[in-house]
């Protein structure tokens, strides 16, 4: 048995929830916050059998797209903010960060 932990952008969360449910994957969703852009994420915990891991990964790939987003940089700490002219920059957001862990034991009470 495996535990899949997938961190996805909030914008992809509902679509991924529906797709996982349609394919009979049981999930637990946690609201989380990313460090880089300080935006909301959703972390999915998906328990599945070893032979279902590839199917779950395909569903995650199909429903969590990467895209570019314009972001205004954060002003420098300390220095003179008057001379700082923030220019929006393009960053790639979305997709999923996935961890797959072995499960030694599973109990449901």
PDB file of N, CA and C in Angstrom:
ATOM      1  N   UNK A   1       0.850  -1.178   0.000  1.00  0.00           N
ATOM      2  CA  UNK A   1       0.000   0.000   0.000  1.00  0.00           C
ATOM      3  C   UNK A   1       0.890   1.232   0.000  1.00  0.00           C
ATOM      4  N   UNK A   2       0.395   2.311  -0.626  1.00  0.00           N
ATOM      5  CA  UNK A   2       1.129   3.576  -0.728  1.00  0.00           C
ATOM      6  C   UNK A   2       0.264   4.738  -0.257  1.00  0.00           C
ATOM      7  N   UNK A   3       0.935   5.789   0.194  1.00  0.00           N
ATOM      8  CA  UNK A   3       0.301   7.060   0.517  1.00  0.00           C
ATOM      9  C   UNK A   3       0.851   8.081  -0.467  1.00  0.00           C
ATOM     10  N   UNK A   4      -0.040   8.667  -1.262  1.00  0.00           N
ATOM     11  CA  UNK A   4       0.352   9.719  -2.191  1.00  0.00           C
ATOM     12  C   UNK A   4      -0.011  11.050  -1.548  1.00  0.00           C
ATOM     13  N   UNK A   5       0.981  11.914  -1.445  1.00  0.00           N
ATOM     14  CA  UNK A   5       0.746  13.265  -0.940  1.00  0.00           C
ATOM     15  C   UNK A   5       0.989  14.209  -2.110  1.00  0.00           C
ATOM     16  N   UNK A   6      -0.056  14.905  -2.536  1.00  0.00           N
ATOM     17  CA  UNK A   6       0.033  15.790  -3.699  1.00  0.00           C
ATOM     18  C   UNK A   6      -0.346  17.208  -3.287  1.00  0.00           C
ATOM     19  N   UNK A   7       0.569  18.143  -3.517  1.00  0.00           N
ATOM     20  CA  UNK A   7       0.313  19.560  -3.235  1.00  0.00           C
ATOM     21  C   UNK A   7      -0.014  20.227  -4.561  1.00  0.00           C
ATOM     22  N   UNK A   8      -1.235  20.779  -4.662  1.00  0.00           N
ATOM     23  CA  UNK A   8      -1.688  21.396  -5.913  1.00  0.00           C
ATOM     24  C   UNK A   8      -2.190  22.807  -5.633  1.00  0.00           C
ATOM     25  N   UNK A   9      -2.239  23.610  -6.667  1.00  0.00           N
ATOM     26  CA  UNK A   9      -2.756  24.973  -6.529  1.00  0.00           C
ATOM     27  C   UNK A   9      -4.266  24.915  -6.314  1.00  0.00           C
ATOM     28  N   UNK A  10      -4.778  25.823  -5.497  1.00  0.00           N
ATOM     29  CA  UNK A  10      -6.217  25.841  -5.192  1.00  0.00           C
ATOM     30  C   UNK A  10      -7.082  25.839  -6.452  1.00  0.00           C
ATOM     31  N   UNK A  11      -6.622  26.496  -7.512  1.00  0.00           N
ATOM     32  CA  UNK A  11      -7.414  26.576  -8.745  1.00  0.00           C
ATOM     33  C   UNK A  11      -7.657  25.200  -9.366  1.00  0.00           C
ATOM     34  N   UNK A  12      -6.781  24.239  -9.082  1.00  0.00           N
ATOM     35  CA  UNK A  12      -6.913  22.897  -9.637  1.00  0.00           C
ATOM     36  C   UNK A  12      -7.606  21.933  -8.679  1.00  0.00           C
ATOM     37  N   UNK A  13      -7.861  22.365  -7.477  1.00  0.00           N
ATOM     38  CA  UNK A  13      -8.332  21.487  -6.406  1.00  0.00           C
ATOM     39  C   UNK A  13      -9.677  20.828  -6.697  1.00  0.00           C
ATOM     40  N   UNK A  14     -10.670  21.602  -7.076  1.00  0.00           N
ATOM     41  CA  UNK A  14     -12.010  21.032  -7.299  1.00  0.00           C
ATOM     42  C   UNK A  14     -12.034  20.056  -8.467  1.00  0.00           C
ATOM     43  N   UNK A  15     -11.328  20.412  -9.536  1.00  0.00           N
ATOM     44  CA  UNK A  15     -11.272  19.529 -10.704  1.00  0.00           C
ATOM     45  C   UNK A  15     -10.604  18.200 -10.336  1.00  0.00           C
ATOM     46  N   UNK A  16      -9.528  18.269  -9.549  1.00  0.00           N
ATOM     47  CA  UNK A  16      -8.833  17.051  -9.135  1.00  0.00           C
ATOM     48  C   UNK A  16      -9.692  16.224  -8.177  1.00  0.00           C
ATOM     49  N   UNK A  17     -10.383  16.866  -7.260  1.00  0.00           N
ATOM     50  CA  UNK A  17     -11.273  16.155  -6.342  1.00  0.00           C
ATOM     51  C   UNK A  17     -12.315  15.358  -7.104  1.00  0.00           C
ATOM     52  N   UNK A  18     -12.946  16.002  -8.089  1.00  0.00           N
ATOM     53  CA  UNK A  18     -13.974  15.323  -8.887  1.00  0.00           C
ATOM     54  C   UNK A  18     -13.397  14.141  -9.666  1.00  0.00           C
ATOM     55  N   UNK A  19     -12.234  14.332 -10.270  1.00  0.00           N
ATOM     56  CA  UNK A  19     -11.631  13.268 -11.075  1.00  0.00           C
ATOM     57  C   UNK A  19     -11.224  12.078 -10.203  1.00  0.00           C
ATOM     58  N   UNK A  20     -10.683  12.341  -9.038  1.00  0.00           N
ATOM     59  CA  UNK A  20     -10.305  11.249  -8.139  1.00  0.00           C
ATOM     60  C   UNK A  20     -11.542  10.489  -7.656  1.00  0.00           C
ATOM     61  N   UNK A  21     -12.606  11.217  -7.332  1.00  0.00           N
ATOM     62  CA  UNK A  21     -13.838  10.571  -6.868  1.00  0.00           C
ATOM     63  C   UNK A  21     -14.465   9.715  -7.971  1.00  0.00           C
ATOM     64  N   UNK A  22     -14.445  10.211  -9.213  1.00  0.00           N
ATOM     65  CA  UNK A  22     -14.991   9.456 -10.342  1.00  0.00           C
ATOM     66  C   UNK A  22     -14.264   8.127 -10.535  1.00  0.00           C
ATOM     67  N   UNK A  23     -12.998   8.089 -10.125  1.00  0.00           N
ATOM     68  CA  UNK A  23     -12.191   6.879 -10.284  1.00  0.00           C
ATOM     69  C   UNK A  23     -12.044   6.108  -8.971  1.00  0.00           C
ATOM     70  N   UNK A  24     -12.936   6.388  -8.021  1.00  0.00           N
ATOM     71  CA  UNK A  24     -13.023   5.667  -6.747  1.00  0.00           C
ATOM     72  C   UNK A  24     -11.784   5.768  -5.861  1.00  0.00           C
ATOM     73  N   UNK A  25     -11.066   6.881  -5.943  1.00  0.00           N
ATOM     74  CA  UNK A  25      -9.964   7.114  -5.018  1.00  0.00           C
ATOM     75  C   UNK A  25     -10.501   7.881  -3.815  1.00  0.00           C
ATOM     76  N   UNK A  26     -10.192   7.409  -2.635  1.00  0.00           N
ATOM     77  CA  UNK A  26     -10.584   8.090  -1.405  1.00  0.00           C
ATOM     78  C   UNK A  26      -9.485   9.090  -1.051  1.00  0.00           C
ATOM     79  N   UNK A  27      -9.880  10.315  -0.771  1.00  0.00           N
ATOM     80  CA  UNK A  27      -8.887  11.361  -0.494  1.00  0.00           C
ATOM     81  C   UNK A  27      -9.219  12.113   0.784  1.00  0.00           C
ATOM     82  N   UNK A  28      -8.187  12.695   1.341  1.00  0.00           N
ATOM     83  CA  UNK A  28      -8.333  13.667   2.423  1.00  0.00           C
ATOM     84  C   UNK A  28      -7.678  14.943   1.927  1.00  0.00           C
ATOM     85  N   UNK A  29      -8.411  16.066   2.019  1.00  0.00           N
ATOM     86  CA  UNK A  29      -7.907  17.359   1.558  1.00  0.00           C
ATOM     87  C   UNK A  29      -7.529  18.219   2.751  1.00  0.00           C
ATOM     88  N   UNK A  30      -6.381  18.879   2.633  1.00  0.00           N
ATOM     89  CA  UNK A  30      -5.930  19.812   3.652  1.00  0.00           C
ATOM     90  C   UNK A  30      -5.660  21.161   2.994  1.00  0.00           C
ATOM     91  N   UNK A  31      -6.118  22.234   3.617  1.00  0.00           N
ATOM     92  CA  UNK A  31      -5.803  23.568   3.112  1.00  0.00           C
ATOM     93  C   UNK A  31      -4.402  23.933   3.588  1.00  0.00           C
ATOM     94  N   UNK A  32      -3.552  24.332   2.637  1.00  0.00           N
ATOM     95  CA  UNK A  32      -2.178  24.682   2.967  1.00  0.00           C
ATOM     96  C   UNK A  32      -1.813  25.986   2.269  1.00  0.00           C
ATOM     97  N   UNK A  33      -0.678  26.546   2.630  1.00  0.00           N
ATOM     98  CA  UNK A  33      -0.212  27.790   2.031  1.00  0.00           C
ATOM     99  C   UNK A  33       1.196  27.601   1.527  1.00  0.00           C
ATOM    100  N   UNK A  34       1.447  28.032   0.301  1.00  0.00           N
ATOM    101  CA  UNK A  34       2.778  27.914  -0.283  1.00  0.00           C
ATOM    102  C   UNK A  34       3.708  29.003   0.211  1.00  0.00           C
ATOM    103  N   UNK A  35       4.983  28.712   0.203  1.00  0.00           N
ATOM    104  CA  UNK A  35       5.970  29.662   0.697  1.00  0.00           C
ATOM    105  C   UNK A  35       6.408  30.668  -0.345  1.00  0.00           C
ATOM    106  N   UNK A  36       6.504  30.262  -1.614  1.00  0.00           N
ATOM    107  CA  UNK A  36       7.068  31.144  -2.635  1.00  0.00           C
ATOM    108  C   UNK A  36       6.136  32.302  -2.963  1.00  0.00           C
ATOM    109  N   UNK A  37       4.916  32.013  -3.378  1.00  0.00           N
ATOM    110  CA  UNK A  37       3.973  33.076  -3.733  1.00  0.00           C
ATOM    111  C   UNK A  37       2.999  33.394  -2.608  1.00  0.00           C
ATOM    112  N   UNK A  38       3.076  32.655  -1.534  1.00  0.00           N
ATOM    113  CA  UNK A  38       2.204  32.830  -0.374  1.00  0.00           C
ATOM    114  C   UNK A  38       0.725  32.747  -0.760  1.00  0.00           C
ATOM    115  N   UNK A  39       0.439  31.841  -1.687  1.00  0.00           N
ATOM    116  CA  UNK A  39      -0.933  31.630  -2.129  1.00  0.00           C
ATOM    117  C   UNK A  39      -1.436  30.305  -1.592  1.00  0.00           C
ATOM    118  N   UNK A  40      -2.747  30.146  -1.617  1.00  0.00           N
ATOM    119  CA  UNK A  40      -3.349  28.926  -1.116  1.00  0.00           C
ATOM    120  C   UNK A  40      -3.056  27.723  -1.979  1.00  0.00           C
ATOM    121  N   UNK A  41      -2.824  26.618  -1.319  1.00  0.00           N
ATOM    122  CA  UNK A  41      -2.661  25.322  -1.961  1.00  0.00           C
ATOM    123  C   UNK A  41      -3.651  24.364  -1.344  1.00  0.00           C
ATOM    124  N   UNK A  42      -3.792  23.224  -1.950  1.00  0.00           N
ATOM    125  CA  UNK A  42      -4.525  22.129  -1.346  1.00  0.00           C
ATOM    126  C   UNK A  42      -3.612  20.921  -1.361  1.00  0.00           C
ATOM    127  N   UNK A  43      -3.494  20.273  -0.223  1.00  0.00           N
ATOM    128  CA  UNK A  43      -2.693  19.058  -0.130  1.00  0.00           C
ATOM    129  C   UNK A  43      -3.645  17.877  -0.045  1.00  0.00           C
ATOM    130  N   UNK A  44      -3.470  16.937  -0.969  1.00  0.00           N
ATOM    131  CA  UNK A  44      -4.289  15.726  -1.005  1.00  0.00           C
ATOM    132  C   UNK A  44      -3.490  14.580  -0.412  1.00  0.00           C
ATOM    133  N   UNK A  45      -4.133  13.810   0.445  1.00  0.00           N
ATOM    134  CA  UNK A  45      -3.566  12.556   0.925  1.00  0.00           C
ATOM    135  C   UNK A  45      -4.419  11.449   0.330  1.00  0.00           C
ATOM    136  N   UNK A  46      -3.791  10.593  -0.458  1.00  0.00           N
ATOM    137  CA  UNK A  46      -4.504   9.548  -1.187  1.00  0.00           C
ATOM    138  C   UNK A  46      -3.878   8.207  -0.824  1.00  0.00           C
ATOM    139  N   UNK A  47      -4.636   7.356  -0.181  1.00  0.00           N
ATOM    140  CA  UNK A  47      -4.165   6.014   0.115  1.00  0.00           C
ATOM    141  C   UNK A  47      -4.615   5.083  -0.992  1.00  0.00           C
ATOM    142  N   UNK A  48      -3.699   4.270  -1.518  1.00  0.00           N
ATOM    143  CA  UNK A  48      -4.069   3.344  -2.587  1.00  0.00           C
ATOM    144  C   UNK A  48      -3.142   2.134  -2.600  1.00  0.00           C
ATOM    145  N   UNK A  49      -3.591   1.123  -3.296  1.00  0.00           N
ATOM    146  CA  UNK A  49      -2.771  -0.079  -3.462  1.00  0.00           C
ATOM    147  C   UNK A  49      -1.635   0.218  -4.434  1.00  0.00           C
ATOM    148  N   UNK A  50      -0.578  -0.562  -4.357  1.00  0.00           N
ATOM    149  CA  UNK A  50       0.598  -0.330  -5.192  1.00  0.00           C
ATOM    150  C   UNK A  50       0.266  -0.291  -6.688  1.00  0.00           C
ATOM    151  N   UNK A  51      -0.638  -1.155  -7.124  1.00  0.00           N
ATOM    152  CA  UNK A  51      -0.961  -1.217  -8.551  1.00  0.00           C
ATOM    153  C   UNK A  51      -1.865  -0.073  -9.017  1.00  0.00           C
ATOM    154  N   UNK A  52      -2.345   0.767  -8.107  1.00  0.00           N
ATOM    155  CA  UNK A  52      -3.192   1.911  -8.461  1.00  0.00           C
ATOM    156  C   UNK A  52      -2.421   3.228  -8.517  1.00  0.00           C
ATOM    157  N   UNK A  53      -1.147   3.210  -8.139  1.00  0.00           N
ATOM    158  CA  UNK A  53      -0.357   4.446  -8.056  1.00  0.00           C
ATOM    159  C   UNK A  53      -0.262   5.135  -9.416  1.00  0.00           C
ATOM    160  N   UNK A  54       0.030   4.374 -10.471  1.00  0.00           N
ATOM    161  CA  UNK A  54       0.162   4.985 -11.800  1.00  0.00           C
ATOM    162  C   UNK A  54      -1.143   5.629 -12.263  1.00  0.00           C
ATOM    163  N   UNK A  55      -2.280   4.992 -11.950  1.00  0.00           N
ATOM    164  CA  UNK A  55      -3.574   5.570 -12.316  1.00  0.00           C
ATOM    165  C   UNK A  55      -3.800   6.891 -11.583  1.00  0.00           C
ATOM    166  N   UNK A  56      -3.469   6.918 -10.300  1.00  0.00           N
ATOM    167  CA  UNK A  56      -3.634   8.147  -9.511  1.00  0.00           C
ATOM    168  C   UNK A  56      -2.726   9.250 -10.047  1.00  0.00           C
ATOM    169  N   UNK A  57      -1.491   8.909 -10.385  1.00  0.00           N
ATOM    170  CA  UNK A  57      -0.568   9.909 -10.928  1.00  0.00           C
ATOM    171  C   UNK A  57      -1.051  10.462 -12.261  1.00  0.00           C
ATOM    172  N   UNK A  58      -1.622   9.603 -13.105  1.00  0.00           N
ATOM    173  CA  UNK A  58      -2.173  10.074 -14.383  1.00  0.00           C
ATOM    174  C   UNK A  58      -3.313  11.058 -14.158  1.00  0.00           C
ATOM    175  N   UNK A  59      -4.167  10.777 -13.181  1.00  0.00           N
ATOM    176  CA  UNK A  59      -5.286  11.682 -12.872  1.00  0.00           C
ATOM    177  C   UNK A  59      -4.756  13.027 -12.378  1.00  0.00           C
ATOM    178  N   UNK A  60      -3.735  12.987 -11.533  1.00  0.00           N
ATOM    179  CA  UNK A  60      -3.142  14.227 -11.018  1.00  0.00           C
ATOM    180  C   UNK A  60      -2.530  15.025 -12.176  1.00  0.00           C
ATOM    181  N   UNK A  61      -1.774  14.367 -13.036  1.00  0.00           N
ATOM    182  CA  UNK A  61      -1.154  15.051 -14.187  1.00  0.00           C
ATOM    183  C   UNK A  61      -2.197  15.678 -15.100  1.00  0.00           C
ATOM    184  N   UNK A  62      -3.293  14.958 -15.342  1.00  0.00           N
ATOM    185  CA  UNK A  62      -4.323  15.438 -16.267  1.00  0.00           C
ATOM    186  C   UNK A  62      -5.122  16.618 -15.718  1.00  0.00           C
ATOM    187  N   UNK A  63      -5.145  16.795 -14.399  1.00  0.00           N
ATOM    188  CA  UNK A  63      -6.016  17.808 -13.806  1.00  0.00           C
ATOM    189  C   UNK A  63      -5.282  18.953 -13.122  1.00  0.00           C
ATOM    190  N   UNK A  64      -3.983  18.924 -13.124  1.00  0.00           N
ATOM    191  CA  UNK A  64      -3.199  19.985 -12.475  1.00  0.00           C
ATOM    192  C   UNK A  64      -2.228  20.560 -13.489  1.00  0.00           C
ATOM    193  N   UNK A  65      -2.679  21.565 -14.213  1.00  0.00           N
ATOM    194  CA  UNK A  65      -1.883  22.117 -15.298  1.00  0.00           C
ATOM    195  C   UNK A  65      -0.944  23.216 -14.814  1.00  0.00           C
ATOM    196  N   UNK A  66       0.209  23.299 -15.477  1.00  0.00           N
ATOM    197  CA  UNK A  66       1.123  24.404 -15.206  1.00  0.00           C
ATOM    198  C   UNK A  66       0.753  25.571 -16.109  1.00  0.00           C
ATOM    199  N   UNK A  67       0.938  26.770 -15.603  1.00  0.00           N
ATOM    200  CA  UNK A  67       0.631  27.964 -16.386  1.00  0.00           C
ATOM    201  C   UNK A  67       1.511  29.105 -15.895  1.00  0.00           C
ATOM    202  N   UNK A  68       1.621  30.140 -16.705  1.00  0.00           N
ATOM    203  CA  UNK A  68       2.408  31.307 -16.315  1.00  0.00           C
ATOM    204  C   UNK A  68       1.498  32.344 -15.693  1.00  0.00           C
ATOM    205  N   UNK A  69       2.053  33.059 -14.710  1.00  0.00           N
ATOM    206  CA  UNK A  69       1.292  34.082 -14.007  1.00  0.00           C
ATOM    207  C   UNK A  69       2.207  35.277 -13.780  1.00  0.00           C
ATOM    208  N   UNK A  70       1.668  36.462 -13.954  1.00  0.00           N
ATOM    209  CA  UNK A  70       2.442  37.679 -13.678  1.00  0.00           C
ATOM    210  C   UNK A  70       2.389  37.969 -12.180  1.00  0.00           C
ATOM    211  N   UNK A  71       3.567  38.217 -11.594  1.00  0.00           N
ATOM    212  CA  UNK A  71       3.656  38.463 -10.156  1.00  0.00           C
ATOM    213  C   UNK A  71       4.508  39.697  -9.923  1.00  0.00           C
ATOM    214  N   UNK A  72       4.026  40.591  -9.052  1.00  0.00           N
ATOM    215  CA  UNK A  72       4.817  41.754  -8.672  1.00  0.00           C
ATOM    216  C   UNK A  72       5.800  41.324  -7.592  1.00  0.00           C
ATOM    217  N   UNK A  73       7.087  41.610  -7.773  1.00  0.00           N
ATOM    218  CA  UNK A  73       8.068  41.206  -6.768  1.00  0.00           C
ATOM    219  C   UNK A  73       7.844  41.928  -5.449  1.00  0.00           C
ATOM    220  N   UNK A  74       8.290  41.308  -4.384  1.00  0.00           N
ATOM    221  CA  UNK A  74       8.177  41.883  -3.044  1.00  0.00           C
ATOM    222  C   UNK A  74       9.262  42.937  -2.888  1.00  0.00           C
ATOM    223  N   UNK A  75       8.926  44.074  -2.259  1.00  0.00           N
ATOM    224  CA  UNK A  75       9.912  45.141  -2.082  1.00  0.00           C
ATOM    225  C   UNK A  75      11.039  44.672  -1.166  1.00  0.00           C
ATOM    226  N   UNK A  76      12.246  45.201  -1.373  1.00  0.00           N
ATOM    227  CA  UNK A  76      13.394  44.765  -0.577  1.00  0.00           C
ATOM    228  C   UNK A  76      13.227  45.154   0.886  1.00  0.00           C
ATOM    229  N   UNK A  77      13.686  44.285   1.742  1.00  0.00           N
ATOM    230  CA  UNK A  77      13.622  44.565   3.180  1.00  0.00           C
ATOM    231  C   UNK A  77      14.768  45.501   3.543  1.00  0.00           C
ATOM    232  N   UNK A  78      14.474  46.464   4.328  1.00  0.00           N
ATOM    233  CA  UNK A  78      15.531  47.341   4.825  1.00  0.00           C
ATOM    234  C   UNK A  78      15.828  48.493   3.898  1.00  0.00           C
ATOM    235  N   UNK A  79      16.365  48.318   2.743  1.00  0.00           N
ATOM    236  CA  UNK A  79      16.862  49.375   1.870  1.00  0.00           C
ATOM    237  C   UNK A  79      15.868  50.484   1.590  1.00  0.00           C
ATOM    238  N   UNK A  80      16.214  51.335   0.679  1.00  0.00           N
ATOM    239  CA  UNK A  80      15.402  52.481   0.313  1.00  0.00           C
ATOM    240  C   UNK A  80      14.307  52.036  -0.656  1.00  0.00           C
ATOM    241  N   UNK A  81      13.103  52.008  -0.184  1.00  0.00           N
ATOM    242  CA  UNK A  81      11.972  51.570  -1.020  1.00  0.00           C
ATOM    243  C   UNK A  81      11.590  52.611  -2.061  1.00  0.00           C
ATOM    244  N   UNK A  82      12.032  53.885  -1.892  1.00  0.00           N
ATOM    245  CA  UNK A  82      11.691  54.935  -2.852  1.00  0.00           C
ATOM    246  C   UNK A  82      12.294  54.661  -4.224  1.00  0.00           C
ATOM    247  N   UNK A  83      13.488  54.089  -4.259  1.00  0.00           N
ATOM    248  CA  UNK A  83      14.151  53.848  -5.534  1.00  0.00           C
ATOM    249  C   UNK A  83      13.789  52.489  -6.123  1.00  0.00           C
ATOM    250  N   UNK A  84      13.010  51.713  -5.406  1.00  0.00           N
ATOM    251  CA  UNK A  84      12.636  50.376  -5.862  1.00  0.00           C
ATOM    252  C   UNK A  84      11.429  50.473  -6.780  1.00  0.00           C
ATOM    253  N   UNK A  85      11.574  50.042  -8.021  1.00  0.00           N
ATOM    254  CA  UNK A  85      10.477  50.064  -8.987  1.00  0.00           C
ATOM    255  C   UNK A  85      10.139  48.618  -9.326  1.00  0.00           C
ATOM    256  N   UNK A  86       9.055  48.121  -8.732  1.00  0.00           N
ATOM    257  CA  UNK A  86       8.728  46.719  -9.006  1.00  0.00           C
ATOM    258  C   UNK A  86       8.200  46.534 -10.420  1.00  0.00           C
ATOM    259  N   UNK A  87       8.736  45.573 -11.109  1.00  0.00           N
ATOM    260  CA  UNK A  87       8.242  45.212 -12.431  1.00  0.00           C
ATOM    261  C   UNK A  87       7.682  43.802 -12.326  1.00  0.00           C
ATOM    262  N   UNK A  88       6.468  43.616 -12.760  1.00  0.00           N
ATOM    263  CA  UNK A  88       5.917  42.260 -12.722  1.00  0.00           C
ATOM    264  C   UNK A  88       6.782  41.300 -13.534  1.00  0.00           C
ATOM    265  N   UNK A  89       6.907  40.098 -13.022  1.00  0.00           N
ATOM    266  CA  UNK A  89       7.669  39.063 -13.713  1.00  0.00           C
ATOM    267  C   UNK A  89       6.777  37.850 -13.918  1.00  0.00           C
ATOM    268  N   UNK A  90       7.067  37.082 -14.959  1.00  0.00           N
ATOM    269  CA  UNK A  90       6.314  35.854 -15.207  1.00  0.00           C
ATOM    270  C   UNK A  90       6.935  34.721 -14.400  1.00  0.00           C
ATOM    271  N   UNK A  91       6.080  33.976 -13.711  1.00  0.00           N
ATOM    272  CA  UNK A  91       6.529  32.779 -13.014  1.00  0.00           C
ATOM    273  C   UNK A  91       5.611  31.633 -13.412  1.00  0.00           C
ATOM    274  N   UNK A  92       6.143  30.421 -13.357  1.00  0.00           N
ATOM    275  CA  UNK A  92       5.347  29.250 -13.673  1.00  0.00           C
ATOM    276  C   UNK A  92       4.677  28.765 -12.389  1.00  0.00           C
ATOM    277  N   UNK A  93       3.369  28.609 -12.434  1.00  0.00           N
ATOM    278  CA  UNK A  93       2.607  28.142 -11.277  1.00  0.00           C
ATOM    279  C   UNK A  93       1.773  26.939 -11.695  1.00  0.00           C
ATOM    280  N   UNK A  94       1.189  26.309 -10.726  1.00  0.00           N
ATOM    281  CA  UNK A  94       0.337  25.169 -11.015  1.00  0.00           C
ATOM    282  C   UNK A  94       1.125  23.879 -11.026  1.00  0.00           C
ATOM    283  N   UNK A  95       0.542  22.883 -11.644  1.00  0.00           N
ATOM    284  CA  UNK A  95       1.163  21.576 -11.610  1.00  0.00           C
ATOM    285  C   UNK A  95       0.932  20.948 -10.244  1.00  0.00           C
ATOM    286  N   UNK A  96       1.744  20.001  -9.906  1.00  0.00           N
ATOM    287  CA  UNK A  96       1.602  19.324  -8.622  1.00  0.00           C
ATOM    288  C   UNK A  96       2.971  18.894  -8.134  1.00  0.00           C
ATOM    289  N   UNK A  97       3.144  18.926  -6.841  1.00  0.00           N
ATOM    290  CA  UNK A  97       4.319  18.348  -6.192  1.00  0.00           C
ATOM    291  C   UNK A  97       3.818  17.102  -5.486  1.00  0.00           C
ATOM    292  N   UNK A  98       4.373  15.953  -5.849  1.00  0.00           N
ATOM    293  CA  UNK A  98       3.838  14.677  -5.384  1.00  0.00           C
ATOM    294  C   UNK A  98       4.908  13.875  -4.657  1.00  0.00           C
ATOM    295  N   UNK A  99       4.532  13.329  -3.510  1.00  0.00           N
ATOM    296  CA  UNK A  99       5.378  12.421  -2.744  1.00  0.00           C
ATOM    297  C   UNK A  99       4.642  11.088  -2.654  1.00  0.00           C
ATOM    298  N   UNK A 100       5.366   9.994  -2.816  1.00  0.00           N
ATOM    299  CA  UNK A 100       4.768   8.668  -2.676  1.00  0.00           C
ATOM    300  C   UNK A 100       5.520   7.944  -1.561  1.00  0.00           C
ATOM    301  N   UNK A 101       4.774   7.550  -0.537  1.00  0.00           N
ATOM    302  CA  UNK A 101       5.367   6.929   0.644  1.00  0.00           C
ATOM    303  C   UNK A 101       4.829   5.521   0.839  1.00  0.00           C
ATOM    304  N   UNK A 102       5.670   4.615   1.303  1.00  0.00           N
ATOM    305  CA  UNK A 102       5.165   3.277   1.615  1.00  0.00           C
ATOM    306  C   UNK A 102       4.342   3.314   2.901  1.00  0.00           C
ATOM    307  N   UNK A 103       3.325   2.480   2.970  1.00  0.00           N
ATOM    308  CA  UNK A 103       2.484   2.393   4.166  1.00  0.00           C
ATOM    309  C   UNK A 103       2.698   1.012   4.782  1.00  0.00           C
ATOM    310  N   UNK A 104       3.247   0.995   5.994  1.00  0.00           N
ATOM    311  CA  UNK A 104       3.491  -0.279   6.680  1.00  0.00           C
ATOM    312  C   UNK A 104       2.219  -0.862   7.254  1.00  0.00           C
ATOM    313  N   UNK A 105       1.379   0.005   7.803  1.00  0.00           N
ATOM    314  CA  UNK A 105       0.129  -0.449   8.421  1.00  0.00           C
ATOM    315  C   UNK A 105      -0.967   0.552   8.132  1.00  0.00           C
ATOM    316  N   UNK A 106      -2.199   0.047   8.085  1.00  0.00           N
ATOM    317  CA  UNK A 106      -3.354   0.908   7.862  1.00  0.00           C
ATOM    318  C   UNK A 106      -4.486   0.389   8.751  1.00  0.00           C
ATOM    319  N   UNK A 107      -5.066   1.300   9.513  1.00  0.00           N
ATOM    320  CA  UNK A 107      -6.171   0.939  10.392  1.00  0.00           C
ATOM    321  C   UNK A 107      -7.306   1.918  10.151  1.00  0.00           C
ATOM    322  N   UNK A 108      -8.514   1.416  10.164  1.00  0.00           N
ATOM    323  CA  UNK A 108      -9.685   2.272  10.037  1.00  0.00           C
ATOM    324  C   UNK A 108     -10.653   1.862  11.119  1.00  0.00           C
ATOM    325  N   UNK A 109     -10.934   2.777  12.050  1.00  0.00           N
ATOM    326  CA  UNK A 109     -11.806   2.459  13.196  1.00  0.00           C
ATOM    327  C   UNK A 109     -13.142   3.139  13.049  1.00  0.00           C
TER     328      UNK A 109
END
